[in-house]
N, C-alpha and C. Protein backbone atom coordinates (compact mmCIF):
# COMPACT_ATOMS: atom_id res chain seq x y z
N MET A 1 4.59 -33.80 -12.47
CA MET A 1 4.36 -33.65 -11.05
C MET A 1 5.68 -33.44 -10.31
N ARG A 2 6.76 -34.04 -10.80
CA ARG A 2 8.06 -33.89 -10.13
C ARG A 2 8.57 -32.45 -10.21
N LYS A 3 8.29 -31.80 -11.34
CA LYS A 3 8.72 -30.42 -11.48
C LYS A 3 8.01 -29.53 -10.46
N PHE A 4 6.75 -29.81 -10.25
CA PHE A 4 5.97 -29.02 -9.29
C PHE A 4 6.50 -29.22 -7.87
N ILE A 5 6.77 -30.45 -7.50
CA ILE A 5 7.31 -30.74 -6.16
C ILE A 5 8.68 -30.08 -6.00
N LYS A 6 9.50 -30.15 -7.03
CA LYS A 6 10.81 -29.51 -6.99
C LYS A 6 10.66 -28.00 -6.82
N TYR A 7 9.70 -27.43 -7.54
CA TYR A 7 9.43 -26.00 -7.42
C TYR A 7 9.04 -25.64 -5.99
N LEU A 8 8.15 -26.41 -5.38
CA LEU A 8 7.73 -26.15 -4.01
C LEU A 8 8.90 -26.24 -3.03
N LYS A 9 9.74 -27.24 -3.19
CA LYS A 9 10.90 -27.39 -2.31
C LYS A 9 11.87 -26.22 -2.46
N GLU A 10 12.15 -25.83 -3.69
CA GLU A 10 13.06 -24.71 -3.93
C GLU A 10 12.47 -23.39 -3.42
N SER A 11 11.18 -23.23 -3.57
CA SER A 11 10.53 -22.02 -3.07
C SER A 11 10.62 -21.95 -1.55
N PHE A 12 10.38 -23.07 -0.89
CA PHE A 12 10.46 -23.12 0.56
C PHE A 12 11.88 -22.81 1.03
N THR A 13 12.86 -23.39 0.37
CA THR A 13 14.26 -23.15 0.73
C THR A 13 14.61 -21.67 0.54
N GLU A 14 14.17 -21.09 -0.55
CA GLU A 14 14.49 -19.69 -0.80
C GLU A 14 13.84 -18.78 0.24
N LEU A 15 12.59 -19.08 0.59
CA LEU A 15 11.90 -18.24 1.56
C LEU A 15 12.46 -18.38 2.98
N THR A 16 12.97 -19.55 3.32
CA THR A 16 13.44 -19.77 4.69
C THR A 16 14.93 -19.48 4.87
N LYS A 17 15.74 -19.66 3.83
CA LYS A 17 17.19 -19.54 4.01
C LYS A 17 17.83 -18.41 3.22
N LYS A 18 17.25 -18.00 2.11
CA LYS A 18 17.90 -17.02 1.25
C LYS A 18 17.28 -15.63 1.33
N THR A 19 16.09 -15.53 1.86
CA THR A 19 15.40 -14.25 1.93
C THR A 19 15.74 -13.55 3.23
N SER A 20 16.03 -12.26 3.15
CA SER A 20 16.26 -11.50 4.38
C SER A 20 14.97 -10.76 4.72
N TRP A 21 14.43 -11.06 5.87
CA TRP A 21 13.17 -10.47 6.31
C TRP A 21 13.47 -9.24 7.16
N PRO A 22 12.62 -8.22 7.11
CA PRO A 22 12.87 -7.02 7.93
C PRO A 22 12.65 -7.32 9.41
N SER A 23 13.31 -6.52 10.24
CA SER A 23 13.11 -6.68 11.68
C SER A 23 11.71 -6.16 12.05
N TRP A 24 11.30 -6.49 13.27
CA TRP A 24 9.96 -6.08 13.72
C TRP A 24 9.86 -4.56 13.76
N ASP A 25 10.93 -3.88 14.20
CA ASP A 25 10.91 -2.42 14.27
C ASP A 25 10.80 -1.80 12.88
N LYS A 26 11.54 -2.31 11.92
CA LYS A 26 11.45 -1.79 10.55
C LYS A 26 10.05 -2.04 9.97
N LEU A 27 9.51 -3.20 10.27
CA LEU A 27 8.18 -3.53 9.76
C LEU A 27 7.13 -2.59 10.33
N GLN A 28 7.21 -2.31 11.63
CA GLN A 28 6.27 -1.38 12.25
C GLN A 28 6.43 0.02 11.68
N GLY A 29 7.68 0.45 11.50
CA GLY A 29 7.92 1.78 10.94
C GLY A 29 7.36 1.92 9.54
N SER A 30 7.53 0.89 8.73
CA SER A 30 6.99 0.92 7.37
C SER A 30 5.47 0.93 7.38
N ALA A 31 4.88 0.15 8.26
CA ALA A 31 3.42 0.10 8.34
C ALA A 31 2.85 1.45 8.77
N ILE A 32 3.50 2.09 9.73
CA ILE A 32 3.04 3.41 10.18
C ILE A 32 3.19 4.43 9.06
N LEU A 33 4.29 4.37 8.33
CA LEU A 33 4.49 5.28 7.21
C LEU A 33 3.40 5.11 6.15
N VAL A 34 3.04 3.88 5.85
CA VAL A 34 1.98 3.62 4.87
C VAL A 34 0.64 4.15 5.37
N MET A 35 0.34 3.94 6.65
CA MET A 35 -0.93 4.43 7.19
C MET A 35 -1.00 5.95 7.19
N VAL A 36 0.07 6.62 7.59
CA VAL A 36 0.08 8.08 7.61
C VAL A 36 -0.04 8.63 6.20
N THR A 37 0.68 8.05 5.25
CA THR A 37 0.61 8.49 3.87
C THR A 37 -0.80 8.30 3.31
N THR A 38 -1.44 7.19 3.64
CA THR A 38 -2.80 6.93 3.18
C THR A 38 -3.77 7.96 3.74
N VAL A 39 -3.64 8.27 5.01
CA VAL A 39 -4.54 9.26 5.63
C VAL A 39 -4.32 10.64 5.01
N LEU A 40 -3.06 11.02 4.79
CA LEU A 40 -2.77 12.32 4.19
C LEU A 40 -3.31 12.39 2.75
N LEU A 41 -3.12 11.35 1.99
CA LEU A 41 -3.63 11.32 0.63
C LEU A 41 -5.16 11.39 0.61
N ALA A 42 -5.80 10.69 1.53
CA ALA A 42 -7.27 10.74 1.61
C ALA A 42 -7.73 12.15 1.96
N ALA A 43 -7.01 12.82 2.86
CA ALA A 43 -7.38 14.19 3.24
C ALA A 43 -7.22 15.14 2.05
N VAL A 44 -6.13 15.02 1.32
CA VAL A 44 -5.91 15.87 0.14
C VAL A 44 -7.00 15.63 -0.90
N LEU A 45 -7.33 14.38 -1.15
CA LEU A 45 -8.39 14.07 -2.12
C LEU A 45 -9.74 14.60 -1.66
N PHE A 46 -9.99 14.56 -0.35
CA PHE A 46 -11.24 15.10 0.18
C PHE A 46 -11.32 16.60 -0.07
N VAL A 47 -10.23 17.31 0.19
CA VAL A 47 -10.21 18.76 -0.02
C VAL A 47 -10.41 19.09 -1.49
N VAL A 48 -9.73 18.38 -2.37
CA VAL A 48 -9.88 18.62 -3.81
C VAL A 48 -11.31 18.33 -4.25
N ASP A 49 -11.88 17.24 -3.80
CA ASP A 49 -13.26 16.89 -4.15
C ASP A 49 -14.24 17.93 -3.62
N PHE A 50 -14.03 18.36 -2.39
CA PHE A 50 -14.90 19.37 -1.77
C PHE A 50 -14.84 20.67 -2.56
N ALA A 51 -13.63 21.13 -2.91
CA ALA A 51 -13.47 22.37 -3.66
C ALA A 51 -14.09 22.25 -5.05
N PHE A 52 -13.85 21.11 -5.71
CA PHE A 52 -14.39 20.91 -7.05
C PHE A 52 -15.91 20.87 -7.02
N GLN A 53 -16.49 20.24 -6.01
CA GLN A 53 -17.94 20.18 -5.89
C GLN A 53 -18.52 21.58 -5.75
N HIS A 54 -17.92 22.40 -4.90
CA HIS A 54 -18.44 23.75 -4.71
C HIS A 54 -18.20 24.62 -5.93
N LEU A 55 -17.11 24.42 -6.63
CA LEU A 55 -16.84 25.15 -7.86
C LEU A 55 -17.88 24.80 -8.92
N MET A 56 -18.17 23.52 -9.07
CA MET A 56 -19.17 23.10 -10.06
C MET A 56 -20.58 23.62 -9.67
N THR A 57 -20.90 23.61 -8.40
CA THR A 57 -22.19 24.14 -7.95
C THR A 57 -22.28 25.62 -8.27
N LEU A 58 -21.19 26.33 -8.03
CA LEU A 58 -21.17 27.78 -8.33
C LEU A 58 -21.34 28.02 -9.83
N ILE A 59 -20.67 27.24 -10.64
CA ILE A 59 -20.77 27.41 -12.10
C ILE A 59 -22.17 27.08 -12.60
N TYR A 60 -22.78 26.00 -12.11
CA TYR A 60 -24.10 25.60 -12.58
C TYR A 60 -25.21 26.52 -12.11
N THR A 61 -25.00 27.25 -11.02
CA THR A 61 -26.06 28.14 -10.52
C THR A 61 -26.02 29.51 -11.20
N LEU A 62 -25.04 29.76 -12.04
CA LEU A 62 -24.98 31.05 -12.74
C LEU A 62 -26.05 31.17 -13.80
């Protein structure tokens, strides 16, 4: 049990004193970048799926 308590104390110390957290502006910029990238990737996958669906329909109707 002592090892666990020591682990918790060391983890808390590391998170509060040794970790450098990003500023609010950097955090917002990163979040926006992730959202834009996700939307673009979803759009590309939609186009590929749409094209593949129509290609398969064309092939099966021959």
